[in-house]
C-alpha cells in the first residue's frame, strides 16, 4: 500500500523552496488522505483484503480453468483455456504477489504491536499463497520477494528460489504459526473476530489450518523427499495436542469463505444475478469424465452439482405390426414442458454420419467430453446459434446461478482433504498416520456432509467399488471427487500421483494433462536472468514441444518436485 507519492510538481516545488513553512505544506500535501500509513495502520484494516482476495482467487482457479484441466467441467463456448490448455504462453502471478504484499504488512504490523494472532494468521496465509505459487509454476521469487521498497537489484529483480527452498520455508512458517496460535483466545490482545471471514477470530481453528496445510505440503514432497515427508507427518500425528488438525467431519473446522452476494465483486463467480445474459454460467457444463464416474458409483453428490438434461434422446425403433422397418423421418419431441423425450430416427442419424453409439441417450445426466471439436452442438444440440443452451447435456445445478448460498463457498482446505492425506500416508506409504480405512471413510463422509447428502454415506460406502481397497488410485479418485469447485488441489495431487487417469481430448494442445503454468511474459522480459535460470532447471519431456514458448517454458516440462518420479506420465 503506497502512502507517499513518488513525484512532486517541480514548478510548485521550486517556488516553495525558500520558505520552510511551504516545505512543511509540501510534505503534508504529499500524503495520500485516502491511503493507510504502513507505519501506523491497524492490521485489521488490511487483513480482510488478504482473506477475501485469497478466497476469490482460489475459487476462481478451482471453479474455472483448473476444473477444465481436471475434467470436472468443460465449456461449450470460449473453450481454449478451459478445455484445451491454450494458455497463450503466459500466466500471471501478479495477483498472488499483490495479496502477499498486503499480507506482509499484516505480519509486520503484528510484530510491531506484539500481536501474535496477526503474526500467526499472516504466516498461515503466506504459506498458503506461496504454496499455490510454487505448485502452479515451480521455482519462484521467495527469499527476496516482497522487498522491492528496500531497493537493490536483489530485491527489485529477485532470484527464483528452488521449489525445495520454498516448500522448506513454508513448512518452517507453519511450524512457527502453530506456536503463535497455541494460546487460548482470551490471551490475544488484538482480536480479529469482526474481520476474519474464515474463522471469526478463533485461534484454535487457525492453528488447525496451519498444521493441516503442513500435512498437505509434506505430502507434496512424498515422492521427491519421502524421508522428510514421513518424518513431518509422523511428528504431527504423534502429538495431537501439540499439532491439532482439521478433522471434524461436520465441516465446522474447514477453511471456507462464504459470499455476501451484494455485488458482482463479492459474489459467487459466473452467477446470473449480476450477469444479465447468464452467458458465463451457461458456458460451463458438466464434464463426462466426472459425470460417468459419479454415475458408476451412484454418487449422491451428482444431483447437488449437476442439473438433469432438459430433453433426452431416444432412438425410435418402433414399427407398426405387419410392416417392415418404418421410422419417423424427422426428430419428434413428445411430453409436457417439464419433461421432454426426443426421438431420433436412425435415418436422421445416418444422414449426419452418426449411429446410435454416437449419441448419449441417458435420461438424467450427460457430460460434455473433454476438449472435443464443436462442443456447443454435442449430442445433436438443437441450439443452432451455439449460445450454450444445449438441452442434451447437463448444465451445472441451479445453485450456481445464485450470487450466494449455503453451499457456495471458497474452500481452502477441509477435513475431507486431511483424512484422505492420512489415509494415503498410512495405506500407501506405510507411515504411522492412523487407520487408513477409518480416514478414508471419514474423508468421504466429510465431503458428503458438507454437500448435504451425508445420510447416504452408509449405502455409498457399502458399494464394492467404493469400499476401501488400500490403493492410492481409489483414495485419490475420492479426493478428486471431493475437490469439486476446488480443482486446483486435485491438479496438484494428479501431478504427484497420476490419478485419476486423464487424457487430453482431441482438441487439446497435448494428449496429456499439463503439469505447470507458463512463466509470465513480463517476468521473462523484466527479470530475464532469473526467469531464464528457472526455466533452464525444468526437465524437458517428450511432451514439452507442445508448449507455446518452446520446451524451456512448457506446461509439459517438469519442475523439481516431479523430476525423477515418473509422475504423472
Protein backbone atom coordinates (compact mmCIF):
# COMPACT_ATOMS: atom_id res chain seq x y z
CA UNK A 1 0.00 0.00 0.00
CA UNK A 2 1.51 3.30 -1.06
CA UNK A 3 1.29 6.28 1.31
CA UNK A 4 3.84 8.64 -0.22
CA UNK A 5 3.64 9.71 -3.83
CA UNK A 6 6.89 9.45 -5.71
CA UNK A 7 6.56 12.63 -7.78
CA UNK A 8 6.09 16.30 -6.93
CA UNK A 9 5.14 19.04 -9.35
CA UNK A 10 8.54 20.61 -9.99
CA UNK A 11 7.43 24.13 -10.69
CA UNK A 12 5.41 24.39 -7.50
CA UNK A 13 8.25 22.83 -5.51
CA UNK A 14 10.76 25.34 -6.86
CA UNK A 15 8.60 28.29 -5.82
CA UNK A 16 8.36 26.99 -2.27
CA UNK A 17 11.97 26.09 -1.55
CA UNK A 18 12.76 29.39 0.14
CA UNK A 19 10.02 29.01 2.74
CA UNK A 20 10.28 26.43 5.49
CA UNK A 21 6.54 26.63 6.06
CA UNK A 22 5.96 25.86 2.40
CA UNK A 23 8.24 22.86 2.76
CA UNK A 24 6.09 21.54 5.59
CA UNK A 25 2.99 22.12 3.50
CA UNK A 26 4.53 20.21 0.62
CA UNK A 27 5.19 17.20 2.84
CA UNK A 28 1.64 17.32 4.12
CA UNK A 29 0.23 17.59 0.60
CA UNK A 30 2.37 14.65 -0.44
CA UNK A 31 0.47 12.28 1.88
CA UNK A 32 -2.45 10.36 0.42
CA UNK A 33 -5.52 11.23 2.53
CA UNK A 34 -7.26 8.10 1.25
CA UNK A 35 -4.40 5.72 1.95
CA UNK A 36 -3.20 3.95 5.08
CA UNK A 37 0.21 4.64 6.51
CA UNK A 38 2.09 1.33 6.72
CA UNK A 39 3.87 2.53 9.84
CA UNK A 40 0.67 3.08 11.83
CA UNK A 41 -2.18 1.22 10.11
CA UNK A 42 -4.33 -1.12 12.14
CA UNK A 43 -3.70 -4.58 10.63
CA UNK A 44 -7.42 -5.31 10.91
CA UNK A 45 -7.96 -2.80 8.12
CA UNK A 46 -5.76 -4.85 5.78
CA UNK A 47 -6.46 -8.44 6.86
CA UNK A 48 -9.96 -8.65 5.27
CA UNK A 49 -8.47 -7.79 1.88
CA UNK A 50 -5.93 -10.60 2.26
CA UNK A 51 -8.56 -13.16 3.23
CA UNK A 52 -11.26 -12.23 0.74
CA UNK A 53 -8.84 -11.77 -2.16
CA UNK A 54 -7.32 -15.18 -1.47
CA UNK A 55 -10.75 -16.80 -1.24
CA UNK A 56 -11.82 -15.29 -4.57
CA UNK A 57 -8.52 -16.24 -6.21
CA UNK A 58 -8.79 -19.88 -5.13
CA UNK A 59 -12.45 -20.34 -6.06
CA UNK A 60 -11.92 -18.70 -9.45
CA UNK A 61 -8.99 -21.01 -10.11
CA UNK A 62 -10.75 -24.16 -8.91
CA UNK A 63 -14.17 -23.43 -10.40
CA UNK A 64 -12.91 -22.16 -13.73
CA UNK A 65 -9.91 -23.32 -15.76
CA UNK A 66 -8.48 -25.86 -13.30
CA UNK A 67 -11.92 -27.52 -13.26
CA UNK A 68 -11.47 -27.90 -17.00
CA UNK A 69 -7.96 -29.31 -16.67
CA UNK A 70 -9.15 -31.82 -14.07
CA UNK A 71 -12.27 -32.61 -16.13
CA UNK A 72 -14.85 -31.64 -13.56
CA UNK A 73 -16.38 -29.30 -16.13
CA UNK A 74 -15.98 -28.32 -19.76
CA UNK A 75 -17.07 -25.22 -21.62
CA UNK A 76 -19.08 -25.22 -24.83
CA UNK A 77 -18.11 -21.64 -25.68
CA UNK A 78 -14.80 -19.78 -25.26
CA UNK A 79 -13.23 -23.18 -24.75
CA UNK A 80 -9.50 -22.57 -25.24
CA UNK A 81 -8.13 -22.04 -21.75
CA UNK A 82 -10.67 -24.27 -20.04
CA UNK A 83 -10.84 -27.36 -22.25
CA UNK A 84 -7.67 -27.21 -24.29
CA UNK A 85 -4.86 -25.77 -22.11
CA UNK A 86 -4.47 -22.93 -24.62
CA UNK A 87 -2.88 -20.52 -22.15
CA UNK A 88 -1.16 -18.38 -24.81
CA UNK A 89 2.29 -18.76 -23.35
CA UNK A 90 1.84 -16.54 -20.31
CA UNK A 91 0.16 -16.89 -16.93
CA UNK A 92 0.43 -14.10 -14.39
CA UNK A 93 1.21 -14.49 -10.72
CA UNK A 94 0.79 -10.74 -10.13
CA UNK A 95 -2.41 -11.17 -8.11
CA UNK A 96 -0.74 -13.66 -5.78
CA UNK A 97 2.14 -11.30 -5.03
CA UNK A 98 -0.25 -8.35 -4.63
CA UNK A 99 -2.02 -10.26 -1.87
CA UNK A 100 1.29 -11.32 -0.36
CA UNK A 101 2.43 -7.69 -0.10
CA UNK A 102 -0.68 -6.81 1.89
CA UNK A 103 -0.19 -9.92 3.98
CA UNK A 104 3.39 -8.92 4.71
CA UNK A 105 2.08 -5.62 6.05
CA UNK A 106 -0.30 -7.51 8.35
CA UNK A 107 2.64 -9.54 9.65
CA UNK A 108 4.92 -6.54 10.15
CA UNK A 109 2.22 -4.61 12.00
CA UNK A 110 1.59 -7.72 14.08
CA UNK A 111 5.27 -7.73 15.09
CA UNK A 112 5.20 -4.00 15.89
CA UNK A 113 2.06 -4.37 18.00
CA UNK A 114 3.25 -7.63 19.61
CA UNK A 115 0.09 -9.24 18.21
CA UNK A 116 0.80 -12.95 17.94
CA UNK A 117 -2.64 -13.54 16.45
CA UNK A 118 -1.92 -11.33 13.44
CA UNK A 119 1.54 -12.83 13.04
CA UNK A 120 0.24 -16.39 13.14
CA UNK A 121 -2.60 -15.78 10.71
CA UNK A 122 -0.28 -13.92 8.31
CA UNK A 123 2.18 -16.83 8.33
CA UNK A 124 -0.63 -19.27 7.52
CA UNK A 125 -1.76 -17.10 4.61
CA UNK A 126 1.82 -16.59 3.41
CA UNK A 127 2.33 -20.35 3.39
CA UNK A 128 -0.90 -20.98 1.51
CA UNK A 129 -0.15 -18.37 -1.17
CA UNK A 130 3.49 -19.29 -1.73
CA UNK A 131 2.40 -22.92 -1.79
CA UNK A 132 -0.03 -22.09 -4.58
CA UNK A 133 2.65 -20.20 -6.50
CA UNK A 134 5.24 -22.98 -6.45
CA UNK A 135 2.61 -25.66 -7.08
CA UNK A 136 1.40 -23.74 -10.14
CA UNK A 137 4.68 -22.51 -11.62
CA UNK A 138 7.68 -24.21 -9.99
CA UNK A 139 10.65 -22.10 -8.91
CA UNK A 140 9.57 -18.57 -7.99
CA UNK A 141 10.72 -15.44 -6.12
CA UNK A 142 10.58 -16.21 -2.40
CA UNK A 143 13.57 -15.21 -0.26
CA UNK A 144 13.87 -11.74 -1.83
CA UNK A 145 10.22 -11.35 -2.81
CA UNK A 146 8.07 -8.55 -1.32
CA UNK A 147 11.14 -6.37 -0.63
CA UNK A 148 11.19 -4.08 -3.65
CA UNK A 149 10.79 -0.98 -1.48
CA UNK A 150 14.21 -1.68 0.06
CA UNK A 151 15.92 -1.13 -3.27
CA UNK A 152 18.86 -3.07 -4.58
CA UNK A 153 18.95 -5.36 -7.58
CA UNK A 154 18.44 -8.49 -5.49
CA UNK A 155 15.12 -7.10 -4.25
CA UNK A 156 13.86 -5.39 -7.40
CA UNK A 157 14.84 -8.30 -9.67
CA UNK A 158 14.68 -11.20 -7.22
CA UNK A 159 16.11 -14.60 -7.91
CA UNK A 160 13.72 -17.51 -8.32
CA UNK A 161 14.14 -19.80 -5.33
CA UNK A 162 14.20 -23.56 -5.95
CA UNK A 163 10.99 -25.37 -5.15
CA UNK A 164 12.71 -27.26 -2.35
CA UNK A 165 13.63 -23.96 -0.68
CA UNK A 166 10.07 -22.69 -0.96
CA UNK A 167 8.49 -25.85 0.48
CA UNK A 168 11.06 -25.86 3.30
CA UNK A 169 10.28 -22.23 4.10
CA UNK A 170 6.53 -22.90 4.03
CA UNK A 171 6.84 -25.76 6.50
CA UNK A 172 9.03 -23.66 8.81
CA UNK A 173 6.50 -20.82 8.76
CA UNK A 174 3.64 -23.21 9.52
CA UNK A 175 5.59 -24.61 12.47
CA UNK A 176 6.05 -21.06 13.76
CA UNK A 177 2.37 -20.28 13.19
CA UNK A 178 1.40 -23.36 15.20
CA UNK A 179 3.29 -21.93 18.17
CA UNK A 180 1.98 -18.38 17.78
CA UNK A 181 -1.62 -19.61 17.62
CA UNK A 182 -1.36 -22.04 20.55
CA UNK A 183 -2.85 -19.79 23.25
CA UNK A 184 -6.50 -19.55 24.29
CA UNK A 185 -8.45 -16.81 22.58
CA UNK A 186 -8.58 -14.64 25.71
CA UNK A 187 -4.77 -14.40 25.73
CA UNK A 188 -4.59 -12.39 22.49
CA UNK A 189 -4.65 -8.63 22.89
CA UNK A 190 -5.69 -7.74 19.34
CA UNK A 191 -8.77 -9.76 18.33
CA UNK A 192 -9.71 -10.28 14.68
CA UNK A 193 -13.24 -11.59 15.20
CA UNK A 194 -15.04 -8.97 13.10
CA UNK A 195 -12.68 -9.08 10.11
CA UNK A 196 -11.91 -12.82 10.00
CA UNK A 197 -14.16 -14.19 7.24
CA UNK A 198 -12.80 -17.73 7.64
CA UNK A 199 -12.85 -18.48 11.37
CA UNK A 200 -14.28 -15.40 13.14
CA UNK A 201 -11.12 -14.94 15.17
CA UNK A 202 -10.80 -18.45 16.66
CA UNK A 203 -7.05 -19.11 17.10
CA UNK A 204 -7.51 -22.87 17.58
CA UNK A 205 -9.10 -23.18 14.14
CA UNK A 206 -6.30 -21.17 12.54
CA UNK A 207 -3.85 -23.45 14.33
CA UNK A 208 -5.60 -26.49 12.89
CA UNK A 209 -5.45 -24.91 9.45
CA UNK A 210 -1.69 -24.35 9.85
CA UNK A 211 -0.99 -27.98 10.74
CA UNK A 212 -3.37 -29.31 8.10
CA UNK A 213 -1.55 -27.26 5.48
CA UNK A 214 1.71 -28.74 6.76
CA UNK A 215 0.29 -32.20 6.04
CA UNK A 216 -0.58 -31.02 2.51
CA UNK A 217 2.95 -29.82 1.80
CA UNK A 218 4.64 -32.82 3.39
CA UNK A 219 2.56 -34.98 1.07
CA UNK A 220 3.66 -32.81 -1.87
CA UNK A 221 7.19 -33.89 -1.05
CA UNK A 222 6.33 -37.56 -0.51
CA UNK A 223 7.62 -38.74 -3.89
CA UNK A 224 10.66 -36.48 -4.05
CA UNK A 225 11.76 -36.44 -0.38
CA UNK A 226 9.96 -39.38 1.25
CA UNK A 227 12.08 -39.36 4.41
CA UNK A 228 11.34 -35.68 5.04
CA UNK A 229 7.64 -36.19 4.35
CA UNK A 230 7.41 -39.24 6.60
CA UNK A 231 9.18 -37.55 9.50
CA UNK A 232 6.96 -34.48 9.22
CA UNK A 233 3.66 -36.35 9.04
CA UNK A 234 4.58 -38.80 11.80
CA UNK A 235 5.70 -35.91 14.03
CA UNK A 236 2.31 -34.25 13.64
CA UNK A 237 0.36 -37.47 14.16
CA UNK A 238 2.38 -38.45 17.24
CA UNK A 239 1.42 -35.26 19.11
CA UNK A 240 -2.24 -34.38 18.51
CA UNK A 241 -2.31 -31.91 21.40
CA UNK A 242 0.70 -30.04 20.02
CA UNK A 243 -0.42 -30.33 16.40
CA UNK A 244 -4.24 -30.25 16.23
CA UNK A 245 -5.74 -30.83 12.78
CA UNK A 246 -8.92 -30.17 10.81
CA UNK A 247 -10.65 -33.50 11.40
CA UNK A 248 -14.30 -32.76 12.21
CA UNK A 249 -16.49 -34.35 9.54
CA UNK A 250 -19.30 -31.84 10.09
CA UNK A 251 -17.39 -29.12 8.21
CA UNK A 252 -17.15 -26.81 11.23
CA UNK A 253 -13.35 -26.65 11.05
CA UNK A 254 -12.98 -26.40 7.27
CA UNK A 255 -11.26 -23.26 5.99
CA UNK A 256 -14.01 -21.77 3.84
CA UNK A 257 -15.31 -18.36 2.82
CA UNK A 258 -18.95 -17.55 2.13
CA UNK A 259 -20.12 -14.82 -0.25
CA UNK A 260 -22.22 -11.79 0.82
CA UNK A 261 -23.70 -11.59 -2.67
CA UNK A 262 -24.25 -7.82 -2.62
CA UNK A 263 -22.47 -7.12 -5.91
CA UNK A 264 -20.52 -8.92 -8.57
CA UNK A 265 -17.32 -8.23 -6.64
CA UNK A 266 -18.40 -10.17 -3.54
CA UNK A 267 -20.50 -12.92 -5.14
CA UNK A 268 -20.08 -16.44 -6.40
CA UNK A 269 -18.32 -16.25 -9.78
CA UNK A 270 -20.30 -16.61 -13.02
CA UNK A 271 -23.66 -16.19 -11.29
CA UNK A 272 -26.65 -14.93 -13.25
CA UNK A 273 -27.81 -12.38 -10.68
CA UNK A 274 -25.22 -9.86 -11.84
CA UNK A 275 -24.72 -11.28 -15.36
CA UNK A 276 -27.76 -10.16 -17.31
CA UNK A 277 -27.37 -12.64 -20.18
CA UNK A 278 -26.17 -15.53 -17.98
CA UNK A 279 -23.54 -16.46 -20.57
CA UNK A 280 -20.74 -17.13 -18.11
CA UNK A 281 -22.92 -19.57 -16.20
CA UNK A 282 -24.29 -21.24 -19.33
CA UNK A 283 -20.92 -21.97 -20.90
CA UNK A 284 -19.91 -24.23 -18.00
CA UNK A 285 -21.20 -27.78 -18.43
CA UNK A 286 -20.51 -30.96 -16.52
CA UNK A 287 -17.63 -33.00 -17.95
CA UNK A 288 -18.33 -36.58 -18.94
CA UNK A 289 -15.25 -37.77 -17.01
CA UNK A 290 -16.77 -36.70 -13.70
CA UNK A 291 -20.38 -37.48 -14.62
CA UNK A 292 -19.59 -41.02 -15.73
CA UNK A 293 -17.55 -41.65 -12.60
CA UNK A 294 -20.28 -40.37 -10.29
CA UNK A 295 -22.93 -42.36 -12.12
CA UNK A 296 -20.90 -45.56 -11.89
CA UNK A 297 -20.60 -45.04 -8.12
CA UNK A 298 -24.23 -43.97 -7.64
CA UNK A 299 -22.80 -40.86 -6.02
CA UNK A 300 -25.45 -38.62 -4.44
CA UNK A 301 -23.32 -35.51 -4.95
CA UNK A 302 -24.07 -35.59 -8.69
CA UNK A 303 -27.61 -34.38 -8.07
CA UNK A 304 -26.29 -31.48 -5.98
CA UNK A 305 -23.73 -30.30 -8.51
CA UNK A 306 -25.46 -31.01 -11.83
CA UNK A 307 -28.82 -30.42 -13.44
CA UNK A 308 -30.55 -33.18 -15.31
CA UNK A 309 -30.70 -32.89 -19.07
CA UNK A 310 -33.69 -30.85 -20.17
CA UNK A 311 -34.51 -33.10 -23.10
CA UNK A 312 -33.05 -36.57 -23.56
CA UNK A 313 -32.66 -38.59 -26.72
CA UNK A 314 -34.16 -41.92 -27.62
CA UNK A 315 -33.93 -43.73 -30.93
CA UNK A 316 -37.40 -44.54 -32.32
CA UNK A 317 -37.20 -48.15 -33.45
CA UNK A 318 -40.90 -48.85 -33.26
CA UNK A 319 -42.67 -50.31 -36.23
CA UNK A 320 -46.34 -50.90 -36.94
CA UNK A 321 -47.47 -54.51 -36.83
CA UNK A 322 -47.28 -56.31 -40.16
CA UNK A 323 -44.88 -53.84 -41.75
CA UNK A 324 -41.21 -53.65 -42.33
CA UNK A 325 -38.96 -51.18 -40.61
CA UNK A 326 -40.71 -47.83 -40.62
CA UNK A 327 -39.02 -44.86 -38.95
CA UNK A 328 -40.15 -41.33 -38.36
CA UNK A 329 -38.32 -39.26 -40.96
CA UNK A 330 -37.64 -36.36 -38.60
CA UNK A 331 -36.92 -35.81 -34.92
CA UNK A 332 -40.01 -35.71 -32.73
CA UNK A 333 -40.38 -34.25 -29.28
CA UNK A 334 -43.16 -35.60 -27.05
CA UNK A 335 -44.16 -34.95 -23.48
CA UNK A 336 -45.01 -31.92 -21.42
CA UNK A 337 -42.78 -28.92 -20.84
CA UNK A 338 -41.48 -30.41 -17.60
CA UNK A 339 -40.07 -33.47 -19.31
CA UNK A 340 -39.44 -33.97 -22.99
CA UNK A 341 -38.18 -37.04 -24.80
CA UNK A 342 -36.60 -36.51 -28.16
CA UNK A 343 -36.96 -39.44 -30.53
CA UNK A 344 -34.28 -39.64 -33.18
CA UNK A 345 -34.82 -41.56 -36.37
CA UNK A 346 -31.87 -43.74 -37.40
CA UNK A 347 -32.31 -42.20 -40.84
CA UNK A 348 -31.61 -38.80 -39.32
CA UNK A 349 -28.52 -40.14 -37.59
CA UNK A 350 -27.30 -41.76 -40.80
CA UNK A 351 -27.74 -38.51 -42.71
CA UNK A 352 -25.32 -36.92 -40.26
CA UNK A 353 -22.84 -39.76 -40.45
CA UNK A 354 -23.80 -40.93 -36.96
CA UNK A 355 -25.05 -44.10 -35.37
CA UNK A 356 -26.87 -44.75 -32.14
CA UNK A 357 -23.45 -45.20 -30.49
CA UNK A 358 -22.57 -41.59 -31.29
CA UNK A 359 -25.22 -40.05 -29.05
CA UNK A 360 -25.74 -40.22 -25.31
CA UNK A 361 -29.32 -41.23 -24.53
CA UNK A 362 -29.09 -41.06 -20.75
CA UNK A 363 -32.30 -39.51 -19.49
CA UNK A 364 -30.72 -37.95 -16.40
CA UNK A 365 -27.13 -36.76 -16.71
CA UNK A 366 -24.96 -36.30 -19.78
CA UNK A 367 -21.48 -34.83 -19.52
CA UNK A 368 -19.55 -32.98 -22.20
CA UNK A 369 -16.47 -34.99 -23.29
CA UNK A 370 -13.13 -33.23 -22.77
CA UNK A 371 -11.77 -30.94 -25.47
CA UNK A 372 -13.97 -32.12 -28.30
CA UNK A 373 -14.43 -30.10 -31.50
CA UNK A 374 -17.76 -28.32 -31.72
CA UNK A 375 -18.82 -28.78 -28.07
CA UNK A 376 -21.75 -26.36 -28.49
CA UNK A 377 -23.55 -28.83 -30.78
CA UNK A 378 -22.59 -32.01 -28.95
CA UNK A 379 -25.22 -34.75 -28.72
CA UNK A 380 -27.35 -33.27 -31.53
CA UNK A 381 -27.99 -29.99 -29.78
CA UNK A 382 -30.86 -28.07 -31.38
CA UNK A 383 -29.11 -24.83 -30.40
CA UNK A 384 -28.19 -23.77 -33.91
CA UNK A 385 -27.00 -20.36 -32.66
CA UNK A 386 -24.45 -22.12 -30.42
CA UNK A 387 -25.48 -19.93 -27.50
CA UNK A 388 -24.60 -22.58 -24.90
CA UNK A 389 -28.25 -23.57 -24.47
CA UNK A 390 -27.80 -27.24 -25.35
CA UNK A 391 -30.62 -29.19 -23.61
CA UNK A 392 -28.92 -32.55 -24.29
CA UNK A 393 -26.06 -32.11 -21.80
CA UNK A 394 -26.10 -31.44 -18.07
CA UNK A 395 -25.76 -27.85 -17.02
CA UNK A 396 -24.48 -27.03 -13.57
CA UNK A 397 -27.05 -27.06 -10.80
CA UNK A 398 -29.25 -24.01 -10.37
CA UNK A 399 -27.45 -23.20 -7.12
CA UNK A 400 -24.56 -21.93 -9.25
CA UNK A 401 -26.81 -19.33 -10.81
CA UNK A 402 -27.02 -17.59 -7.46
CA UNK A 403 -24.79 -14.89 -6.02
CA UNK A 404 -24.67 -16.58 -2.61
CA UNK A 405 -25.95 -19.65 -0.83
CA UNK A 406 -25.13 -22.13 1.94
CA UNK A 407 -23.17 -24.40 -0.43
CA UNK A 408 -21.42 -21.60 -2.33
CA UNK A 409 -18.09 -21.24 -0.57
CA UNK A 410 -14.45 -20.81 -1.40
CA UNK A 411 -12.89 -23.97 0.00
CA UNK A 412 -9.23 -23.61 1.03
CA UNK A 413 -8.65 -26.82 2.98
CA UNK A 414 -11.10 -29.27 4.51
CA UNK A 415 -11.43 -32.23 6.83
CA UNK A 416 -12.05 -34.41 3.78
CA UNK A 417 -8.64 -33.47 2.34
CA UNK A 418 -6.88 -34.07 5.66
CA UNK A 419 -8.46 -37.51 6.11
CA UNK A 420 -7.54 -38.51 2.55
CA UNK A 421 -3.94 -37.37 3.13
CA UNK A 422 -3.73 -39.53 6.25
CA UNK A 423 -5.36 -42.49 4.51
CA UNK A 424 -2.75 -42.30 1.76
CA UNK A 425 0.11 -41.83 4.21
CA UNK A 426 -0.94 -44.92 6.12
CA UNK A 427 -2.17 -47.30 3.41
CA UNK A 428 0.14 -46.41 0.54
CA UNK A 429 3.26 -45.11 2.25
CA UNK A 430 3.11 -47.31 5.33
CA UNK A 431 3.66 -44.38 7.70
CA UNK A 432 2.28 -44.03 11.23
CA UNK A 433 -0.74 -41.90 10.36
CA UNK A 434 -3.64 -43.78 11.92
CA UNK A 435 -6.00 -46.37 10.50
CA UNK A 436 -6.21 -45.92 6.72
CA UNK A 437 -9.73 -47.26 6.27
CA UNK A 438 -11.06 -45.06 9.06
CA UNK A 439 -9.54 -41.97 7.48
CA UNK A 440 -10.75 -42.93 4.01
CA UNK A 441 -14.31 -43.42 5.20
CA UNK A 442 -14.16 -40.20 7.21
CA UNK A 443 -12.95 -38.29 4.14
CA UNK A 444 -15.94 -39.48 2.13
CA UNK A 445 -18.36 -38.87 5.00
CA UNK A 446 -16.99 -35.34 5.47
CA UNK A 447 -17.45 -34.50 1.80
CA UNK A 448 -20.96 -35.93 1.69
CA UNK A 449 -21.84 -33.96 4.82
CA UNK A 450 -20.72 -30.58 3.52
CA UNK A 451 -22.76 -31.09 0.34
CA UNK A 452 -25.87 -32.01 2.32
CA UNK A 453 -26.07 -35.69 1.40
CA UNK A 454 -24.43 -37.22 4.46
CA UNK A 455 -27.41 -39.52 5.02
CA UNK A 456 -26.37 -41.58 2.01
CA UNK A 457 -22.93 -42.36 3.44
CA UNK A 458 -23.61 -45.88 4.73
CA UNK A 459 -25.11 -47.11 1.47
CA UNK A 460 -22.45 -45.34 -0.57
CA UNK A 461 -19.54 -46.76 1.40
CA UNK A 462 -21.01 -50.27 1.25
CA UNK A 463 -20.71 -50.46 -2.53
CA UNK A 464 -17.92 -52.76 -3.76
CA UNK A 465 -16.46 -50.01 -5.95
CA UNK A 466 -16.31 -47.60 -3.01
CA UNK A 467 -15.38 -49.95 -0.19
CA UNK A 468 -11.79 -49.30 0.85
CA UNK A 469 -9.23 -51.38 -1.04
CA UNK A 470 -5.95 -49.87 0.25
CA UNK A 471 -4.90 -48.39 -3.11
CA UNK A 472 -3.65 -44.93 -3.92
CA UNK A 473 -5.81 -44.84 -7.02
CA UNK A 474 -9.01 -45.26 -5.02
CA UNK A 475 -8.01 -42.68 -2.40
CA UNK A 476 -7.06 -40.06 -4.95
CA UNK A 477 -10.18 -40.76 -7.01
CA UNK A 478 -12.35 -39.95 -4.00
CA UNK A 479 -10.18 -36.95 -3.18
CA UNK A 480 -10.62 -35.73 -6.79
CA UNK A 481 -14.39 -36.02 -6.46
CA UNK A 482 -14.35 -34.19 -3.13
CA UNK A 483 -12.35 -31.32 -4.66
CA UNK A 484 -15.34 -30.10 -6.70
CA UNK A 485 -15.06 -26.27 -7.06
CA UNK A 486 -11.51 -26.54 -5.63
CA UNK A 487 -9.98 -28.36 -8.58
CA UNK A 488 -6.53 -26.79 -8.30
CA UNK A 489 -5.81 -29.07 -5.36
CA UNK A 490 -6.91 -32.06 -7.45
CA UNK A 491 -4.44 -30.96 -10.14
CA UNK A 492 -1.58 -30.88 -7.64
CA UNK A 493 -2.49 -34.41 -6.49
CA UNK A 494 -2.76 -35.59 -10.08
CA UNK A 495 0.74 -34.34 -10.87
CA UNK A 496 2.13 -36.20 -7.86
CA UNK A 497 0.25 -39.48 -8.37
CA UNK A 498 -1.04 -39.72 -11.95
CA UNK A 499 -4.59 -40.23 -10.59
CA UNK A 500 -7.28 -40.08 -11.68
CA UNK A 501 -6.14 -41.32 -15.07
CA UNK A 502 -6.86 -38.49 -17.52
CA UNK A 503 -6.15 -37.85 -21.18
CA UNK A 504 -6.33 -34.66 -23.17
CA UNK A 505 -9.23 -34.51 -25.61
CA UNK A 506 -8.84 -34.35 -29.40
CA UNK A 507 -8.70 -30.54 -29.46
CA UNK A 508 -6.34 -30.20 -26.51
CA UNK A 509 -2.89 -28.73 -27.08
CA UNK A 510 -1.31 -32.01 -25.98
CA UNK A 511 -2.54 -35.57 -25.47
CA UNK A 512 -1.66 -35.48 -21.76
CA UNK A 513 -2.56 -33.11 -18.94
CA UNK A 514 -0.01 -30.31 -18.31
CA UNK A 515 1.96 -30.06 -15.08
CA UNK A 516 2.61 -26.32 -14.65
CA UNK A 517 1.73 -22.82 -15.82
CA UNK A 518 3.87 -20.68 -18.10
CA UNK A 519 6.12 -18.06 -16.56
CA UNK A 520 4.52 -14.73 -17.46
CA UNK A 521 5.85 -12.61 -20.30
CA UNK A 522 6.54 -9.54 -18.14
CA UNK A 523 8.66 -11.57 -15.75
CA UNK A 524 10.58 -13.11 -18.63
CA UNK A 525 11.28 -9.66 -20.05
CA UNK A 526 11.88 -7.58 -16.92
CA UNK A 527 13.56 -10.22 -14.75
CA UNK A 528 15.09 -12.12 -17.63
CA UNK A 529 18.17 -13.56 -15.93
CA UNK A 530 16.22 -15.05 -13.02
CA UNK A 531 13.41 -16.35 -15.22
CA UNK A 532 15.86 -17.88 -17.69
CA UNK A 533 17.74 -19.65 -14.90
CA UNK A 534 14.47 -21.08 -13.56
CA UNK A 535 13.38 -22.28 -17.00
CA UNK A 536 16.71 -23.96 -17.57
CA UNK A 537 16.10 -26.07 -14.45
CA UNK A 538 12.84 -27.51 -15.79
CA UNK A 539 13.04 -31.08 -17.05
CA UNK A 540 12.26 -31.33 -20.75
CA UNK A 541 9.90 -34.22 -21.53
CA UNK A 542 8.65 -35.90 -24.67
CA UNK A 543 5.61 -33.60 -24.49
CA UNK A 544 7.47 -30.32 -23.91
CA UNK A 545 7.30 -29.33 -27.57
CA UNK A 546 3.55 -28.81 -27.20
CA UNK A 547 4.21 -25.59 -25.28
CA UNK A 548 3.74 -22.17 -26.85
CA UNK A 549 7.10 -20.76 -25.66
CA UNK A 550 9.40 -23.60 -26.52
CA UNK A 551 10.48 -26.54 -24.43
CA UNK A 552 12.07 -24.47 -21.65
CA UNK A 553 8.84 -22.81 -20.54
CA UNK A 554 6.41 -25.52 -21.49
CA UNK A 555 3.48 -26.61 -19.32
CA UNK A 556 4.68 -30.13 -20.12
CA UNK A 557 8.22 -29.58 -18.75
CA UNK A 558 8.58 -30.85 -15.20
CA UNK A 559 9.55 -28.74 -12.17
CA UNK A 560 11.85 -30.11 -9.46
CA UNK A 561 9.14 -31.76 -7.35
CA UNK A 562 8.22 -34.08 -10.24
CA UNK A 563 11.65 -34.74 -11.69
CA UNK A 564 12.74 -38.35 -11.43
CA UNK A 565 9.38 -39.51 -10.03
CA UNK A 566 7.90 -40.82 -13.28
CA UNK A 567 4.69 -38.95 -12.45
CA UNK A 568 2.10 -38.15 -13.64
CA UNK A 569 3.05 -39.60 -17.03
